[in-house]
Amino acid sequence: MLGILSAGIAPGLALLSYFYLRDQYNSEPVSMVLKTFIFGAILVFPIMFIQYVLETEQVIQTPLLNAFFATSLLEEFFKWFILFYTIYQHVDFDEPYDGIVYGASVSLGFATLENIFYLFTGGLQYALGRALLPVSSHALFGVIMGYYLGKGKFTRKRKSLWIFFSLFVPFFLHGIYDYILVSQKHWIMTIVPFMIFLWWLGLRKVKRAHELHDHNKDSFQVQDTTLHS
């Protein structure tokens, strides 16, 4: 049991630590990050219940709809809801990169508890595969979601568009990820390049969030100089 718990928790905490430590400015309060992580873990229960009902009642019967709606839309919407209504207006969300930290946190909270449940059912032999695919993909969906939330909060134009992207882009990418797994016989040939792309995109968003912070800081300094000149 201890081995399963360790294997289930370690990938999520490692990835969360990685994105937390990539914050080049004021690090987020650990208490807030952990609270968001716990919120994400709690989401597993209502989502599992809804998915169980959908499966039992055979509401969704095609792999495409199952991938995009029974899995992707449900999971990404609940995670987005937590971020938007508990974190977006919070005083600690004070720079663009913070969205990435909190997005990764809520996603990894969900992925970690889901991973523990899966390993209890399937066994430790799945630990490495789960770490490389579901856990890391959830982290990257959260990074992308948080990036667009940060962009929506800290840019003056097209705020509504960035908020929309913060849900739509992770939903779309998550749907593709699940569809590859449930619909293709030789899914490993497709999922590897997709995961490489996902990591490239996630790390690019990390870089862009830092650039957005620097741009906003420079703009503020120019305005401050103008006001005092």
C-alpha atoms as a PDB file:
ATOM      1  CA  MET A   1       0.000   0.000   0.000  1.00  0.00           C
ATOM      2  CA  LEU A   2       2.808   2.427   0.870  1.00  0.00           C
ATOM      3  CA  GLY A   3       4.501   1.670  -2.446  1.00  0.00           C
ATOM      4  CA  ILE A   4       1.321   2.411  -4.386  1.00  0.00           C
ATOM      5  CA  LEU A   5       0.747   5.662  -2.510  1.00  0.00           C
ATOM      6  CA  SER A   6       4.334   6.753  -3.116  1.00  0.00           C
ATOM      7  CA  ALA A   7       4.209   5.847  -6.810  1.00  0.00           C
ATOM      8  CA  GLY A   8       0.857   7.572  -7.159  1.00  0.00           C
ATOM      9  CA  ILE A   9       1.852  10.800  -5.447  1.00  0.00           C
ATOM     10  CA  ALA A  10       5.473  11.243  -6.547  1.00  0.00           C
ATOM     11  CA  PRO A  11       4.941  12.184 -10.249  1.00  0.00           C
ATOM     12  CA  GLY A  12       2.365  14.846  -9.422  1.00  0.00           C
ATOM     13  CA  LEU A  13       4.459  16.443  -6.691  1.00  0.00           C
ATOM     14  CA  ALA A  14       7.587  16.328  -8.865  1.00  0.00           C
ATOM     15  CA  LEU A  15       5.857  18.090 -11.761  1.00  0.00           C
ATOM     16  CA  LEU A  16       4.192  20.621  -9.458  1.00  0.00           C
ATOM     17  CA  SER A  17       7.581  21.392  -7.876  1.00  0.00           C
ATOM     18  CA  TYR A  18       9.104  21.840 -11.327  1.00  0.00           C
ATOM     19  CA  PHE A  19       6.549  24.406 -12.474  1.00  0.00           C
ATOM     20  CA  TYR A  20       6.502  26.096  -9.062  1.00  0.00           C
ATOM     21  CA  LEU A  21      10.274  26.557  -9.138  1.00  0.00           C
ATOM     22  CA  ARG A  22      10.118  27.980 -12.680  1.00  0.00           C
ATOM     23  CA  ASP A  23       8.519  31.098 -11.182  1.00  0.00           C
ATOM     24  CA  GLN A  24      11.225  33.723 -11.673  1.00  0.00           C
ATOM     25  CA  TYR A  25       9.561  36.404  -9.579  1.00  0.00           C
ATOM     26  CA  ASN A  26       7.523  36.242  -6.366  1.00  0.00           C
ATOM     27  CA  SER A  27       6.774  32.604  -5.603  1.00  0.00           C
ATOM     28  CA  GLU A  28       3.196  31.785  -4.705  1.00  0.00           C
ATOM     29  CA  PRO A  29       2.273  30.992  -1.081  1.00  0.00           C
ATOM     30  CA  VAL A  30       2.719  27.258  -0.581  1.00  0.00           C
ATOM     31  CA  SER A  31      -0.574  27.179   1.352  1.00  0.00           C
ATOM     32  CA  MET A  32      -2.494  28.501  -1.664  1.00  0.00           C
ATOM     33  CA  VAL A  33      -0.800  26.097  -4.054  1.00  0.00           C
ATOM     34  CA  LEU A  34      -1.575  23.141  -1.781  1.00  0.00           C
ATOM     35  CA  LYS A  35      -5.157  24.315  -1.332  1.00  0.00           C
ATOM     36  CA  THR A  36      -5.600  24.410  -5.099  1.00  0.00           C
ATOM     37  CA  PHE A  37      -3.990  20.963  -5.341  1.00  0.00           C
ATOM     38  CA  ILE A  38      -6.520  19.611  -2.811  1.00  0.00           C
ATOM     39  CA  PHE A  39      -9.418  21.234  -4.684  1.00  0.00           C
ATOM     40  CA  GLY A  40      -8.245  19.422  -7.802  1.00  0.00           C
ATOM     41  CA  ALA A  41      -8.099  16.113  -5.946  1.00  0.00           C
ATOM     42  CA  ILE A  42     -11.640  16.567  -4.611  1.00  0.00           C
ATOM     43  CA  LEU A  43     -12.899  17.039  -8.177  1.00  0.00           C
ATOM     44  CA  VAL A  44     -12.192  13.360  -8.838  1.00  0.00           C
ATOM     45  CA  PHE A  45     -15.304  12.314  -6.925  1.00  0.00           C
ATOM     46  CA  PRO A  46     -18.048  14.304  -8.733  1.00  0.00           C
ATOM     47  CA  ILE A  47     -16.398  13.665 -12.096  1.00  0.00           C
ATOM     48  CA  MET A  48     -16.167   9.919 -11.485  1.00  0.00           C
ATOM     49  CA  PHE A  49     -19.830   9.875 -10.464  1.00  0.00           C
ATOM     50  CA  ILE A  50     -20.968  11.748 -13.585  1.00  0.00           C
ATOM     51  CA  GLN A  51     -18.834   9.535 -15.823  1.00  0.00           C
ATOM     52  CA  TYR A  52     -20.260   6.438 -14.128  1.00  0.00           C
ATOM     53  CA  VAL A  53     -23.818   7.640 -14.790  1.00  0.00           C
ATOM     54  CA  LEU A  54     -23.023   8.449 -18.426  1.00  0.00           C
ATOM     55  CA  GLU A  55     -21.493   5.021 -18.922  1.00  0.00           C
ATOM     56  CA  THR A  56     -24.273   3.143 -17.100  1.00  0.00           C
ATOM     57  CA  GLU A  57     -27.029   4.937 -18.976  1.00  0.00           C
ATOM     58  CA  GLN A  58     -25.102   4.611 -22.252  1.00  0.00           C
ATOM     59  CA  VAL A  59     -25.620   8.289 -22.979  1.00  0.00           C
ATOM     60  CA  ILE A  60     -22.426   8.529 -25.043  1.00  0.00           C
ATOM     61  CA  GLN A  61     -21.754   5.637 -27.373  1.00  0.00           C
ATOM     62  CA  THR A  62     -18.978   6.674 -29.760  1.00  0.00           C
ATOM     63  CA  PRO A  63     -15.239   6.962 -29.021  1.00  0.00           C
ATOM     64  CA  LEU A  64     -15.171  10.539 -30.307  1.00  0.00           C
ATOM     65  CA  LEU A  65     -17.955  11.764 -28.032  1.00  0.00           C
ATOM     66  CA  ASN A  66     -16.572   9.787 -25.128  1.00  0.00           C
ATOM     67  CA  ALA A  67     -13.120  11.331 -25.560  1.00  0.00           C
ATOM     68  CA  PHE A  68     -14.253  14.922 -26.015  1.00  0.00           C
ATOM     69  CA  PHE A  69     -17.299  15.148 -23.774  1.00  0.00           C
ATOM     70  CA  ALA A  70     -17.451  12.335 -21.207  1.00  0.00           C
ATOM     71  CA  THR A  71     -13.783  12.838 -20.375  1.00  0.00           C
ATOM     72  CA  SER A  72     -12.200  16.023 -21.725  1.00  0.00           C
ATOM     73  CA  LEU A  73     -15.036  18.533 -21.316  1.00  0.00           C
ATOM     74  CA  LEU A  74     -16.040  17.263 -17.884  1.00  0.00           C
ATOM     75  CA  GLU A  75     -12.542  17.257 -16.450  1.00  0.00           C
ATOM     76  CA  GLU A  76     -11.303  20.497 -17.988  1.00  0.00           C
ATOM     77  CA  PHE A  77     -14.495  22.411 -17.211  1.00  0.00           C
ATOM     78  CA  PHE A  78     -14.420  21.481 -13.528  1.00  0.00           C
ATOM     79  CA  LYS A  79     -10.741  22.393 -13.263  1.00  0.00           C
ATOM     80  CA  TRP A  80     -11.354  25.667 -15.099  1.00  0.00           C
ATOM     81  CA  PHE A  81     -14.325  26.429 -12.846  1.00  0.00           C
ATOM     82  CA  ILE A  82     -12.171  26.050  -9.729  1.00  0.00           C
ATOM     83  CA  LEU A  83      -9.450  28.279 -11.162  1.00  0.00           C
ATOM     84  CA  PHE A  84     -11.765  30.983 -12.456  1.00  0.00           C
ATOM     85  CA  TYR A  85     -14.015  31.285  -9.414  1.00  0.00           C
ATOM     86  CA  THR A  86     -11.518  30.736  -6.586  1.00  0.00           C
ATOM     87  CA  ILE A  87      -8.130  31.849  -7.949  1.00  0.00           C
ATOM     88  CA  TYR A  88      -8.648  34.319 -10.807  1.00  0.00           C
ATOM     89  CA  GLN A  89      -9.700  37.237  -8.551  1.00  0.00           C
ATOM     90  CA  HIS A  90      -7.506  36.235  -5.621  1.00  0.00           C
ATOM     91  CA  VAL A  91      -4.950  38.755  -4.387  1.00  0.00           C
ATOM     92  CA  ASP A  92      -2.145  36.197  -4.745  1.00  0.00           C
ATOM     93  CA  PHE A  93      -2.792  35.917  -8.489  1.00  0.00           C
ATOM     94  CA  ASP A  94      -0.706  39.008  -9.193  1.00  0.00           C
ATOM     95  CA  GLU A  95       1.406  38.125 -12.226  1.00  0.00           C
ATOM     96  CA  PRO A  96       0.871  36.133 -15.460  1.00  0.00           C
ATOM     97  CA  TYR A  97       2.977  33.127 -14.458  1.00  0.00           C
ATOM     98  CA  ASP A  98       0.825  32.591 -11.354  1.00  0.00           C
ATOM     99  CA  GLY A  99      -1.893  31.210 -13.614  1.00  0.00           C
ATOM    100  CA  ILE A 100       0.498  28.457 -14.706  1.00  0.00           C
ATOM    101  CA  VAL A 101       1.358  27.546 -11.116  1.00  0.00           C
ATOM    102  CA  TYR A 102      -2.290  27.323 -10.064  1.00  0.00           C
ATOM    103  CA  GLY A 103      -3.355  25.641 -13.309  1.00  0.00           C
ATOM    104  CA  ALA A 104      -0.714  22.956 -12.847  1.00  0.00           C
ATOM    105  CA  SER A 105      -1.666  22.619  -9.198  1.00  0.00           C
ATOM    106  CA  VAL A 106      -5.380  21.969  -9.703  1.00  0.00           C
ATOM    107  CA  SER A 107      -4.689  19.624 -12.625  1.00  0.00           C
ATOM    108  CA  LEU A 108      -2.044  17.670 -10.745  1.00  0.00           C
ATOM    109  CA  GLY A 109      -4.268  17.384  -7.688  1.00  0.00           C
ATOM    110  CA  PHE A 110      -6.870  15.733  -9.894  1.00  0.00           C
ATOM    111  CA  ALA A 111      -4.303  13.585 -11.723  1.00  0.00           C
ATOM    112  CA  THR A 112      -2.610  12.446  -8.499  1.00  0.00           C
ATOM    113  CA  LEU A 113      -5.736  11.109  -6.793  1.00  0.00           C
ATOM    114  CA  GLU A 114      -6.913   9.550 -10.056  1.00  0.00           C
ATOM    115  CA  ASN A 115      -3.481   7.949 -10.398  1.00  0.00           C
ATOM    116  CA  ILE A 116      -3.609   6.490  -6.882  1.00  0.00           C
ATOM    117  CA  PHE A 117      -7.027   4.946  -7.545  1.00  0.00           C
ATOM    118  CA  TYR A 118      -5.801   3.481 -10.823  1.00  0.00           C
ATOM    119  CA  LEU A 119      -2.678   1.964  -9.275  1.00  0.00           C
ATOM    120  CA  PHE A 120      -4.705   0.401  -6.464  1.00  0.00           C
ATOM    121  CA  THR A 121      -6.840  -1.259  -9.137  1.00  0.00           C
ATOM    122  CA  GLY A 122      -4.213  -2.109 -11.750  1.00  0.00           C
ATOM    123  CA  GLY A 123      -1.022  -2.478  -9.768  1.00  0.00           C
ATOM    124  CA  LEU A 124       2.426  -0.888  -9.620  1.00  0.00           C
ATOM    125  CA  GLN A 125       3.390  -2.180 -13.062  1.00  0.00           C
ATOM    126  CA  TYR A 126       1.452   0.745 -14.543  1.00  0.00           C
ATOM    127  CA  ALA A 127       3.180   3.411 -12.458  1.00  0.00           C
ATOM    128  CA  LEU A 128       5.762   4.502 -15.057  1.00  0.00           C
ATOM    129  CA  GLY A 129       3.272   4.640 -17.923  1.00  0.00           C
ATOM    130  CA  ARG A 130       0.803   6.601 -15.795  1.00  0.00           C
ATOM    131  CA  ALA A 131       3.511   9.091 -14.825  1.00  0.00           C
ATOM    132  CA  LEU A 132       4.622   9.636 -18.423  1.00  0.00           C
ATOM    133  CA  LEU A 133       1.145   9.930 -19.940  1.00  0.00           C
ATOM    134  CA  PRO A 134      -1.919  10.794 -17.808  1.00  0.00           C
ATOM    135  CA  VAL A 135      -0.141  12.661 -15.013  1.00  0.00           C
ATOM    136  CA  SER A 136       2.169  14.702 -17.235  1.00  0.00           C
ATOM    137  CA  SER A 137      -0.589  15.415 -19.775  1.00  0.00           C
ATOM    138  CA  HIS A 138      -2.872  16.737 -17.021  1.00  0.00           C
ATOM    139  CA  ALA A 139      -0.026  18.951 -15.813  1.00  0.00           C
ATOM    140  CA  LEU A 140       0.430  20.400 -19.296  1.00  0.00           C
ATOM    141  CA  PHE A 141      -3.305  20.941 -19.831  1.00  0.00           C
ATOM    142  CA  GLY A 142      -3.226  22.875 -16.551  1.00  0.00           C
ATOM    143  CA  VAL A 143      -0.197  24.895 -17.638  1.00  0.00           C
ATOM    144  CA  ILE A 144      -1.938  25.905 -20.866  1.00  0.00           C
ATOM    145  CA  MET A 145      -5.181  26.698 -19.034  1.00  0.00           C
ATOM    146  CA  GLY A 146      -3.326  28.818 -16.489  1.00  0.00           C
ATOM    147  CA  TYR A 147      -1.349  30.638 -19.159  1.00  0.00           C
ATOM    148  CA  TYR A 148      -4.481  31.869 -20.889  1.00  0.00           C
ATOM    149  CA  LEU A 149      -6.096  32.830 -17.582  1.00  0.00           C
ATOM    150  CA  GLY A 150      -2.989  34.854 -16.751  1.00  0.00           C
ATOM    151  CA  LYS A 151      -3.041  36.456 -20.179  1.00  0.00           C
ATOM    152  CA  GLY A 152      -6.722  37.279 -19.742  1.00  0.00           C
ATOM    153  CA  LYS A 153      -6.131  38.905 -16.377  1.00  0.00           C
ATOM    154  CA  PHE A 154      -3.002  40.879 -17.216  1.00  0.00           C
ATOM    155  CA  THR A 155      -3.674  42.144 -20.738  1.00  0.00           C
ATOM    156  CA  ARG A 156      -5.935  45.033 -21.536  1.00  0.00           C
ATOM    157  CA  LYS A 157      -7.361  43.800 -24.836  1.00  0.00           C
ATOM    158  CA  ARG A 158      -9.439  40.735 -25.761  1.00  0.00           C
ATOM    159  CA  LYS A 159      -9.777  39.552 -22.166  1.00  0.00           C
ATOM    160  CA  SER A 160     -12.903  37.528 -22.949  1.00  0.00           C
ATOM    161  CA  LEU A 161     -11.121  35.763 -25.809  1.00  0.00           C
ATOM    162  CA  TRP A 162      -8.223  34.673 -23.582  1.00  0.00           C
ATOM    163  CA  ILE A 163     -10.650  33.467 -20.907  1.00  0.00           C
ATOM    164  CA  PHE A 164     -12.456  31.446 -23.578  1.00  0.00           C
ATOM    165  CA  PHE A 165      -9.139  30.002 -24.771  1.00  0.00           C
ATOM    166  CA  SER A 166      -8.280  29.030 -21.188  1.00  0.00           C
ATOM    167  CA  LEU A 167     -11.081  26.458 -21.346  1.00  0.00           C
ATOM    168  CA  PHE A 168     -11.268  25.662 -25.041  1.00  0.00           C
ATOM    169  CA  VAL A 169      -7.576  24.937 -25.759  1.00  0.00           C
ATOM    170  CA  PRO A 170      -7.085  22.426 -22.883  1.00  0.00           C
ATOM    171  CA  PHE A 171     -10.461  20.854 -23.718  1.00  0.00           C
ATOM    172  CA  PHE A 172      -9.475  20.432 -27.373  1.00  0.00           C
ATOM    173  CA  LEU A 173      -6.005  19.051 -26.621  1.00  0.00           C
ATOM    174  CA  HIS A 174      -7.333  16.728 -23.910  1.00  0.00           C
ATOM    175  CA  GLY A 175      -9.974  15.467 -26.323  1.00  0.00           C
ATOM    176  CA  ILE A 176      -7.335  14.653 -28.939  1.00  0.00           C
ATOM    177  CA  TYR A 177      -5.222  12.897 -26.306  1.00  0.00           C
ATOM    178  CA  ASP A 178      -8.116  10.695 -25.148  1.00  0.00           C
ATOM    179  CA  TYR A 179      -9.308  10.009 -28.675  1.00  0.00           C
ATOM    180  CA  ILE A 180      -5.855   8.710 -29.619  1.00  0.00           C
ATOM    181  CA  LEU A 181      -5.902   6.328 -26.654  1.00  0.00           C
ATOM    182  CA  VAL A 182      -9.446   4.976 -27.122  1.00  0.00           C
ATOM    183  CA  SER A 183      -9.694   4.811 -30.900  1.00  0.00           C
ATOM    184  CA  GLN A 184      -6.342   3.676 -32.274  1.00  0.00           C
ATOM    185  CA  LYS A 185      -5.035   0.135 -32.116  1.00  0.00           C
ATOM    186  CA  HIS A 186      -1.402   1.240 -32.382  1.00  0.00           C
ATOM    187  CA  TRP A 187      -1.893   4.339 -30.237  1.00  0.00           C
ATOM    188  CA  ILE A 188       1.722   4.432 -29.048  1.00  0.00           C
ATOM    189  CA  MET A 189       2.834   5.532 -32.542  1.00  0.00           C
ATOM    190  CA  THR A 190       0.644   8.632 -32.298  1.00  0.00           C
ATOM    191  CA  ILE A 191       0.736   9.459 -28.601  1.00  0.00           C
ATOM    192  CA  VAL A 192       4.532   9.830 -28.453  1.00  0.00           C
ATOM    193  CA  PRO A 193       4.749  12.685 -30.999  1.00  0.00           C
ATOM    194  CA  PHE A 194       1.604  14.212 -29.501  1.00  0.00           C
ATOM    195  CA  MET A 195       3.181  14.245 -26.028  1.00  0.00           C
ATOM    196  CA  ILE A 196       6.367  15.775 -27.437  1.00  0.00           C
ATOM    197  CA  PHE A 197       4.231  18.508 -29.015  1.00  0.00           C
ATOM    198  CA  LEU A 198       2.346  18.987 -25.737  1.00  0.00           C
ATOM    199  CA  TRP A 199       5.560  19.439 -23.781  1.00  0.00           C
ATOM    200  CA  TRP A 200       6.874  21.873 -26.403  1.00  0.00           C
ATOM    201  CA  LEU A 201       3.639  23.876 -26.206  1.00  0.00           C
ATOM    202  CA  GLY A 202       3.550  23.856 -22.405  1.00  0.00           C
ATOM    203  CA  LEU A 203       7.141  25.025 -22.044  1.00  0.00           C
ATOM    204  CA  ARG A 204       6.531  27.670 -24.686  1.00  0.00           C
ATOM    205  CA  LYS A 205       3.627  28.982 -22.594  1.00  0.00           C
ATOM    206  CA  VAL A 206       5.947  29.112 -19.582  1.00  0.00           C
ATOM    207  CA  LYS A 207       8.354  31.268 -21.567  1.00  0.00           C
ATOM    208  CA  ARG A 208       5.558  33.482 -22.917  1.00  0.00           C
ATOM    209  CA  ALA A 209       4.165  34.023 -19.413  1.00  0.00           C
ATOM    210  CA  HIS A 210       7.557  35.303 -18.260  1.00  0.00           C
ATOM    211  CA  GLU A 211       7.775  37.560 -21.325  1.00  0.00           C
ATOM    212  CA  LEU A 212       4.288  38.917 -20.619  1.00  0.00           C
ATOM    213  CA  HIS A 213       5.339  39.742 -17.055  1.00  0.00           C
ATOM    214  CA  ASP A 214       8.434  41.605 -18.298  1.00  0.00           C
ATOM    215  CA  HIS A 215       6.380  43.484 -20.898  1.00  0.00           C
ATOM    216  CA  ASN A 216       3.777  44.549 -18.344  1.00  0.00           C
ATOM    217  CA  LYS A 217       6.506  45.598 -15.918  1.00  0.00           C
ATOM    218  CA  ASP A 218       8.230  47.721 -18.571  1.00  0.00           C
ATOM    219  CA  SER A 219       4.917  49.296 -19.592  1.00  0.00           C
ATOM    220  CA  PHE A 220       4.136  50.166 -15.976  1.00  0.00           C
ATOM    221  CA  GLN A 221       7.575  51.731 -15.507  1.00  0.00           C
ATOM    222  CA  VAL A 222       7.127  53.859 -18.658  1.00  0.00           C
ATOM    223  CA  GLN A 223       3.719  55.046 -17.473  1.00  0.00           C
ATOM    224  CA  ASP A 224       5.088  55.777 -13.980  1.00  0.00           C
ATOM    225  CA  THR A 225       7.971  57.796 -15.452  1.00  0.00           C
ATOM    226  CA  THR A 226       5.581  59.763 -17.674  1.00  0.00           C
ATOM    227  CA  LEU A 227       3.296  60.603 -14.748  1.00  0.00           C
ATOM    228  CA  HIS A 228       6.198  61.904 -12.648  1.00  0.00           C
ATOM    229  CA  SER A 229       7.992  63.811 -15.413  1.00  0.00           C
END
